[in-house]
Amino acid sequence: LQETPNGNQLTGYINAANGTVSSRTSVLLINGQTYYGTVVARNRAGTSTQQCSKTVVYDGTPATIQKITVGPLQKPLIYLTDPGTVPCSWSRPVDHESGVGNCTVHVIDAASNRTLGWKDTGNSTSTTVVLDTRLRDGSNYLCRLTCQNGVGLSSSKSSEPALFDTTAPTSGTISMPLFWSSSTKLNVSWSPCSDVESGITSYTWSVGSRSRPLSILPSTAVGLSLEARSDSLAMVDTGRYIISVTCLNGAGKTTSMTSPEYTIDTTPPTVVNSVRTSSNLALDSLHASWLPAQDNESGILGYEWSIGVSPGGCQVLDTTFLGNVENATCSKCSLKTGEDYYISVRAINQAKLITTMSFAAITVDTSS
């Protein structure tokens, strides 16, 4: 055995008798080094003939596979959505000594290491493997490339796993009252969507009518925020609108939720400025009654009142919501004779707009 034709011997000659095959053991060969075998034949008269073999390259290492991915090499897939196929891509395998022979790509269940499908790659660097077993939601899968080089040594390389997710996110709910008091400004919040497989990656929101849900505000991204606001809308008074929110999961699936229809009411209630009052020092109480307010857009939600020692004050009774009633009594008000008290009554509509009725002053007097 020689490193050059007919050069210095690495191993001594061995008698092969009349055979045509011989082997040597315990020879330290260098990977990638070229070697030559020399055979000397002698006849009975002692005459010899020498023959040198063709070049033989020693290859003790398998092929090198730099990278393999689920999906394209430049943009690997994190999520899979087709239950019957998986795309795989890889860098071209390299073996400088004996070259790359046959390669196969397998789709593997990451949890069980079970092969779900495979394919011969030929000379390509990408393929789509048709599976024998369909993928399961919430499970991870990977591509594995196995190659043999020219001397039969094998090497394998596996991709990062990708999660199979075909289910859309679970919707949340939108918090929105039935009436809104501004035609230009709107803020809204919602409970989060959920997705146990690939998670939620973003939200978008829009505003419009039921027939034209994007007519006021087209779909607008808000990232992962659970609230949104706009100060430049063009809604109209008494108009009826809906808010739509769409959540996107990691696999590109979406789910939309819609608010109840709400009505724009920008006008406060109409009131009759007539608050009738009375007092009873013995009972330490003040009483007030009023005519009902009117609101043709959203209706009256109710009334609130307060009592103070100055107009609009609340030193005696803090502002208190009464509901939809037209009279109220303050008992145990700690009244003082000769003191002026002011009762304020405010009408509130369903859009939370307020109109204050005229302040009614009452003087507590026990003199005859």
Protein backbone atom coordinates (compact mmCIF):
# COMPACT_ATOMS: atom_id res chain seq x y z
CA LEU A 1 0.00 0.00 0.00
CA GLN A 2 1.46 3.34 -1.12
CA GLU A 3 0.55 7.06 -1.11
CA THR A 4 1.95 7.55 -4.63
CA PRO A 5 2.17 5.12 -7.55
CA ASN A 6 5.12 2.82 -6.98
CA GLY A 7 6.22 5.11 -4.13
CA ASN A 8 7.32 4.32 -0.58
CA GLN A 9 5.50 1.42 0.93
CA LEU A 10 3.18 2.03 3.90
CA THR A 11 2.81 -1.70 4.38
CA GLY A 12 5.15 -4.51 3.44
CA TYR A 13 4.28 -7.07 0.85
CA ILE A 14 2.23 -10.03 1.99
CA ASN A 15 2.30 -13.38 0.28
CA ALA A 16 -1.06 -13.89 -1.39
CA ALA A 17 -0.13 -17.31 -2.74
CA ASN A 18 -2.11 -17.92 -5.92
CA GLY A 19 -5.09 -15.83 -4.74
CA THR A 20 -6.61 -12.81 -6.39
CA VAL A 21 -7.84 -11.06 -3.22
CA SER A 22 -5.94 -9.91 -0.16
CA SER A 23 -6.59 -7.56 2.77
CA ARG A 24 -4.60 -5.88 5.49
CA THR A 25 -5.65 -4.85 9.00
CA SER A 26 -4.35 -2.38 11.60
CA VAL A 27 -3.42 0.14 8.92
CA LEU A 28 -3.79 3.81 10.00
CA LEU A 29 -5.30 5.64 7.04
CA ILE A 30 -5.85 9.39 6.78
CA ASN A 31 -9.25 10.73 5.74
CA GLY A 32 -9.18 12.20 2.23
CA GLN A 33 -5.71 10.77 1.47
CA THR A 34 -5.17 8.95 -1.85
CA TYR A 35 -3.67 5.50 -1.82
CA TYR A 36 -2.44 2.95 -4.36
CA GLY A 37 -2.16 -0.80 -4.14
CA THR A 38 0.73 -2.59 -5.83
CA VAL A 39 0.74 -6.30 -6.73
CA VAL A 40 3.90 -8.16 -7.77
CA ALA A 41 3.47 -11.51 -9.58
CA ARG A 42 6.40 -13.93 -9.88
CA ASN A 43 6.61 -17.02 -12.02
CA ARG A 44 8.50 -20.19 -11.15
CA ALA A 45 11.54 -18.99 -13.02
CA GLY A 46 11.72 -15.93 -10.70
CA THR A 47 10.68 -13.38 -13.25
CA SER A 48 8.25 -10.74 -11.81
CA THR A 49 5.70 -8.28 -13.10
CA GLN A 50 4.45 -5.27 -11.05
CA GLN A 51 1.00 -3.65 -11.45
CA CYS A 52 -0.24 -0.49 -9.63
CA SER A 53 -3.94 0.10 -8.95
CA LYS A 54 -5.96 3.16 -9.79
CA THR A 55 -6.25 5.93 -7.18
CA VAL A 56 -8.23 5.03 -4.07
CA VAL A 57 -9.38 7.81 -1.70
CA TYR A 58 -9.93 6.86 1.94
CA ASP A 59 -13.28 8.15 3.30
CA GLY A 60 -13.98 7.50 6.99
CA THR A 61 -16.54 10.28 7.51
CA PRO A 62 -20.19 10.53 6.43
CA ALA A 63 -21.66 13.33 4.32
CA THR A 64 -22.18 16.74 5.95
CA ILE A 65 -25.73 18.14 6.10
CA GLN A 66 -25.64 21.78 7.17
CA LYS A 67 -29.34 22.57 7.63
CA ILE A 68 -32.85 21.21 7.20
CA THR A 69 -36.13 23.01 7.90
CA VAL A 70 -39.87 22.49 7.84
CA GLY A 71 -40.85 24.77 4.95
CA PRO A 72 -38.39 27.06 3.12
CA LEU A 73 -34.81 27.41 4.37
CA GLN A 74 -35.04 31.21 4.33
CA LYS A 75 -38.32 31.27 6.30
CA PRO A 76 -38.93 28.02 8.20
CA LEU A 77 -42.47 27.22 9.25
CA ILE A 78 -43.31 27.31 12.95
CA TYR A 79 -46.84 26.01 12.39
CA LEU A 80 -48.37 23.47 10.03
CA THR A 81 -51.95 23.59 8.74
CA ASP A 82 -52.21 20.75 6.17
CA PRO A 83 -52.91 17.43 7.92
CA GLY A 84 -51.75 15.27 5.01
CA THR A 85 -48.46 16.80 3.81
CA VAL A 86 -45.33 18.42 5.21
CA PRO A 87 -42.88 20.56 3.15
CA CYS A 88 -39.16 20.05 3.86
CA SER A 89 -36.08 21.94 2.61
CA TRP A 90 -32.36 21.42 3.19
CA SER A 91 -28.92 22.63 2.18
CA ARG A 92 -27.20 20.41 -0.35
CA PRO A 93 -25.25 17.62 1.45
CA VAL A 94 -21.47 17.57 0.93
CA ASP A 95 -18.89 14.75 0.93
CA HIS A 96 -15.54 15.74 -0.54
CA GLU A 97 -14.04 12.27 -0.36
CA SER A 98 -16.52 9.81 -1.88
CA GLY A 99 -19.46 12.02 -2.80
CA VAL A 100 -23.09 11.87 -1.73
CA GLY A 101 -25.15 8.89 -2.78
CA ASN A 102 -28.79 8.29 -1.94
CA CYS A 103 -30.77 10.61 0.38
CA THR A 104 -34.24 10.21 1.89
CA VAL A 105 -36.32 12.69 3.86
CA HIS A 106 -38.68 11.55 6.63
CA VAL A 107 -41.44 13.33 8.53
CA ILE A 108 -41.17 12.46 12.22
CA ASP A 109 -43.59 12.76 15.14
CA ALA A 110 -41.41 14.69 17.61
CA ALA A 111 -42.98 13.07 20.67
CA SER A 112 -42.78 9.42 19.60
CA ASN A 113 -39.95 9.63 17.02
CA ARG A 114 -42.25 7.69 14.68
CA THR A 115 -41.96 8.13 10.90
CA LEU A 116 -45.24 9.27 9.34
CA GLY A 117 -44.01 9.38 5.75
CA TRP A 118 -40.81 9.51 3.68
CA LYS A 119 -39.53 10.22 0.18
CA ASP A 120 -36.38 9.76 -1.93
CA THR A 121 -34.93 13.19 -2.61
CA GLY A 122 -33.03 12.54 -5.83
CA ASN A 123 -30.90 15.59 -6.59
CA SER A 124 -33.35 18.12 -5.11
CA THR A 125 -33.03 20.27 -1.98
CA SER A 126 -36.74 20.49 -1.18
CA THR A 127 -39.82 18.33 -1.41
CA THR A 128 -43.28 17.82 0.05
CA VAL A 129 -43.81 14.53 1.83
CA VAL A 130 -47.24 12.93 1.56
CA LEU A 131 -48.01 11.28 4.89
CA ASP A 132 -49.32 7.82 5.68
CA THR A 133 -50.80 9.13 8.96
CA ARG A 134 -52.60 12.46 9.32
CA LEU A 135 -51.22 15.09 11.68
CA ARG A 136 -52.90 15.79 15.02
CA ASP A 137 -53.78 19.24 16.37
CA GLY A 138 -51.42 20.39 19.10
CA SER A 139 -48.60 17.95 18.13
CA ASN A 140 -45.09 18.80 16.88
CA TYR A 141 -43.50 17.37 13.74
CA LEU A 142 -40.06 17.63 12.12
CA CYS A 143 -38.23 16.80 8.90
CA ARG A 144 -35.21 14.45 9.00
CA LEU A 145 -32.78 14.00 6.09
CA THR A 146 -30.61 10.84 5.91
CA CYS A 147 -27.84 10.48 3.29
CA GLN A 148 -25.31 7.79 2.36
CA ASN A 149 -21.95 8.68 0.88
CA GLY A 150 -19.99 6.77 -1.75
CA VAL A 151 -18.61 4.24 0.74
CA GLY A 152 -21.95 3.59 2.46
CA LEU A 153 -21.57 5.76 5.57
CA SER A 154 -24.82 7.39 6.71
CA SER A 155 -25.55 10.75 8.32
CA SER A 156 -28.81 12.38 9.44
CA LYS A 157 -29.95 15.90 10.26
CA SER A 158 -33.27 16.92 11.85
CA SER A 159 -35.13 20.22 11.61
CA GLU A 160 -36.65 22.21 14.43
CA PRO A 161 -40.20 20.97 15.11
CA ALA A 162 -43.30 22.72 13.79
CA LEU A 163 -46.66 22.68 15.57
CA PHE A 164 -49.78 21.48 13.74
CA ASP A 165 -52.73 23.83 14.34
CA THR A 166 -55.90 23.94 12.23
CA THR A 167 -58.26 25.34 14.86
CA ALA A 168 -59.26 28.99 14.98
CA PRO A 169 -58.90 30.94 18.24
CA THR A 170 -61.67 30.94 20.82
CA SER A 171 -63.45 34.29 20.81
CA GLY A 172 -63.66 36.77 23.67
CA THR A 173 -66.43 39.33 24.20
CA ILE A 174 -66.62 43.07 23.50
CA SER A 175 -67.64 45.45 26.28
CA MET A 176 -69.82 48.19 24.78
CA PRO A 177 -72.94 50.02 26.09
CA LEU A 178 -76.10 50.21 23.97
CA PHE A 179 -75.83 54.03 23.69
CA TRP A 180 -72.81 56.25 23.07
CA SER A 181 -72.59 59.99 23.61
CA SER A 182 -69.99 61.04 21.00
CA SER A 183 -70.14 60.86 17.21
CA THR A 184 -66.35 61.32 16.80
CA LYS A 185 -64.68 59.66 19.78
CA LEU A 186 -64.92 55.99 20.68
CA ASN A 187 -63.05 53.72 23.06
CA VAL A 188 -63.74 50.03 23.52
CA SER A 189 -62.29 47.04 25.38
CA TRP A 190 -62.67 43.29 25.03
CA SER A 191 -61.80 40.09 26.84
CA PRO A 192 -58.89 38.12 25.32
CA CYS A 193 -59.22 35.41 22.71
CA SER A 194 -57.48 32.11 23.51
CA ASP A 195 -55.61 29.49 21.49
CA VAL A 196 -53.96 26.60 23.31
CA GLU A 197 -52.00 25.41 20.26
CA SER A 198 -50.28 28.41 18.69
CA GLY A 199 -51.38 31.33 20.87
CA ILE A 200 -52.74 34.76 19.92
CA THR A 201 -50.40 36.99 17.92
CA SER A 202 -52.48 40.13 17.23
CA TYR A 203 -55.85 41.90 17.24
CA THR A 204 -57.53 44.25 14.75
CA TRP A 205 -60.69 46.31 15.22
CA SER A 206 -63.17 48.06 12.94
CA VAL A 207 -66.36 50.15 13.20
CA GLY A 208 -69.38 50.30 10.91
CA SER A 209 -73.00 49.39 10.44
CA ARG A 210 -74.27 45.83 10.29
CA SER A 211 -74.53 45.99 6.52
CA ARG A 212 -71.19 47.81 6.12
CA PRO A 213 -69.02 46.80 9.11
CA LEU A 214 -65.92 48.69 7.83
CA SER A 215 -67.69 51.90 6.78
CA ILE A 216 -66.61 54.08 9.75
CA LEU A 217 -63.20 52.61 10.60
CA PRO A 218 -61.43 49.96 8.46
CA SER A 219 -59.59 47.08 10.13
CA THR A 220 -56.87 48.60 12.28
CA ALA A 221 -54.13 46.68 14.07
CA VAL A 222 -53.64 47.17 17.81
CA GLY A 223 -51.05 44.44 18.47
CA LEU A 224 -51.90 42.46 21.59
CA SER A 225 -53.78 45.30 23.27
CA LEU A 226 -57.23 44.49 24.66
CA GLU A 227 -58.55 48.00 24.08
CA ALA A 228 -58.68 50.55 21.29
CA ARG A 229 -59.55 54.23 20.82
CA SER A 230 -60.22 56.64 18.00
CA ASP A 231 -60.88 60.40 18.21
CA SER A 232 -61.67 61.10 14.55
CA LEU A 233 -64.68 59.00 13.56
CA ALA A 234 -67.60 60.26 11.50
CA MET A 235 -70.64 58.66 13.08
CA VAL A 236 -74.00 60.46 13.02
CA ASP A 237 -76.49 61.24 15.78
CA THR A 238 -79.10 58.44 16.18
CA GLY A 239 -76.96 56.23 13.90
CA ARG A 240 -76.62 52.57 14.84
CA TYR A 241 -73.22 50.86 14.67
CA ILE A 242 -71.26 47.75 15.63
CA ILE A 243 -67.63 47.16 16.61
CA SER A 244 -65.79 44.13 15.23
CA VAL A 245 -62.59 42.67 16.71
CA THR A 246 -60.58 39.95 14.95
CA CYS A 247 -57.92 37.86 16.73
CA LEU A 248 -55.15 36.05 14.83
CA ASN A 249 -53.31 32.95 16.07
CA GLY A 250 -49.78 31.83 15.29
CA ALA A 251 -50.94 29.49 12.51
CA GLY A 252 -52.73 32.31 10.67
CA LYS A 253 -56.27 31.33 11.71
CA THR A 254 -58.69 34.09 12.71
CA THR A 255 -61.83 34.50 14.79
CA SER A 256 -64.01 37.62 14.86
CA MET A 257 -66.31 38.92 17.59
CA THR A 258 -68.96 41.63 17.22
CA SER A 259 -70.37 44.02 19.80
CA PRO A 260 -74.09 44.53 20.33
CA GLU A 261 -75.44 47.27 18.11
CA TYR A 262 -75.15 50.68 19.79
CA THR A 263 -76.87 54.00 19.05
CA ILE A 264 -75.28 57.44 18.96
CA ASP A 265 -77.00 60.01 21.20
CA THR A 266 -75.19 63.32 21.49
CA THR A 267 -78.05 65.36 23.00
CA PRO A 268 -78.75 65.46 26.76
CA PRO A 269 -82.26 65.04 28.19
CA THR A 270 -84.85 67.80 27.94
CA VAL A 271 -86.14 68.89 31.34
CA VAL A 272 -88.80 71.14 32.78
CA ASN A 273 -87.09 73.45 35.28
CA SER A 274 -89.56 72.87 38.06
CA VAL A 275 -88.37 71.27 41.29
CA ARG A 276 -90.85 71.43 44.15
CA THR A 277 -89.42 71.17 47.66
CA SER A 278 -90.60 70.95 51.26
CA SER A 279 -89.00 70.52 54.68
CA ASN A 280 -89.90 69.15 58.09
CA LEU A 281 -87.54 70.30 60.84
CA ALA A 282 -89.22 68.04 63.38
CA LEU A 283 -88.52 65.04 61.20
CA ASP A 284 -85.15 66.48 60.14
CA SER A 285 -86.02 65.85 56.48
CA LEU A 286 -86.13 67.50 53.05
CA HIS A 287 -88.36 66.39 50.19
CA ALA A 288 -88.23 67.19 46.46
CA SER A 289 -90.34 66.24 43.44
CA TRP A 290 -90.03 67.15 39.74
CA LEU A 291 -91.61 66.68 36.35
CA PRO A 292 -90.19 63.86 34.20
CA ALA A 293 -87.41 64.65 31.71
CA GLN A 294 -87.64 63.64 28.05
CA ASP A 295 -85.10 62.00 25.72
CA ASN A 296 -86.26 60.78 22.32
CA GLU A 297 -82.94 59.19 21.32
CA SER A 298 -81.84 56.90 24.15
CA GLY A 299 -84.45 57.45 26.86
CA ILE A 300 -84.02 58.38 30.51
CA LEU A 301 -81.74 56.19 32.59
CA GLY A 302 -82.66 57.89 35.86
CA TYR A 303 -82.07 60.85 38.17
CA GLU A 304 -79.52 61.83 40.77
CA TRP A 305 -79.74 64.51 43.44
CA SER A 306 -77.63 66.26 46.04
CA ILE A 307 -78.23 68.76 48.86
CA GLY A 308 -75.88 71.51 49.93
CA VAL A 309 -75.71 74.92 51.58
CA SER A 310 -74.78 76.59 48.29
CA PRO A 311 -76.09 76.14 44.72
CA GLY A 312 -74.83 72.82 43.35
CA GLY A 313 -73.30 71.89 46.70
CA CYS A 314 -73.35 68.47 48.36
CA GLN A 315 -72.38 69.29 51.96
CA VAL A 316 -75.59 67.82 53.39
CA LEU A 317 -76.14 64.94 50.95
CA ASP A 318 -73.56 63.72 48.48
CA THR A 319 -74.63 63.10 44.88
CA THR A 320 -76.86 60.01 44.95
CA PHE A 321 -78.36 58.07 42.05
CA LEU A 322 -82.09 57.52 42.57
CA GLY A 323 -83.13 55.44 39.59
CA ASN A 324 -86.02 56.40 37.34
CA VAL A 325 -88.16 58.14 39.97
CA GLU A 326 -89.60 61.63 40.19
CA ASN A 327 -89.33 62.40 43.91
CA ALA A 328 -86.93 61.83 46.79
CA THR A 329 -86.71 62.43 50.54
CA CYS A 330 -83.63 63.02 52.65
CA SER A 331 -84.25 61.81 56.21
CA LYS A 332 -82.04 62.80 59.13
CA CYS A 333 -80.40 65.62 57.22
CA SER A 334 -79.29 67.53 60.35
CA LEU A 335 -81.25 70.62 59.35
CA LYS A 336 -80.75 73.96 61.11
CA THR A 337 -83.44 76.58 61.49
CA GLY A 338 -82.85 79.68 59.41
CA GLU A 339 -80.36 77.86 57.12
CA ASP A 340 -80.77 77.90 53.32
CA TYR A 341 -80.49 74.53 51.58
CA TYR A 342 -80.13 73.91 47.87
CA ILE A 343 -81.45 70.79 46.17
CA SER A 344 -79.93 69.84 42.80
CA VAL A 345 -81.64 67.30 40.53
CA ARG A 346 -79.96 65.95 37.38
CA ALA A 347 -81.55 63.85 34.62
CA ILE A 348 -79.31 61.21 32.97
CA ASN A 349 -80.05 59.54 29.64
CA GLN A 350 -78.92 56.08 28.46
CA ALA A 351 -75.87 57.63 26.79
CA LYS A 352 -74.85 59.02 30.22
CA LEU A 353 -75.47 62.63 29.17
CA ILE A 354 -76.73 64.86 32.01
CA THR A 355 -79.04 67.85 32.23
CA THR A 356 -79.27 69.69 35.55
CA MET A 357 -82.62 71.10 36.62
CA SER A 358 -82.72 74.55 38.22
CA PHE A 359 -81.44 74.66 41.76
CA ALA A 360 -84.23 74.87 44.32
CA ALA A 361 -83.45 76.81 47.50
CA ILE A 362 -85.41 76.10 50.66
CA THR A 363 -85.08 77.92 54.00
CA VAL A 364 -85.82 76.03 57.17
CA ASP A 365 -87.91 78.38 59.38
CA THR A 366 -89.71 77.32 62.57
CA SER A 367 -90.82 80.81 63.62
CA SER A 368 -94.59 81.58 63.73
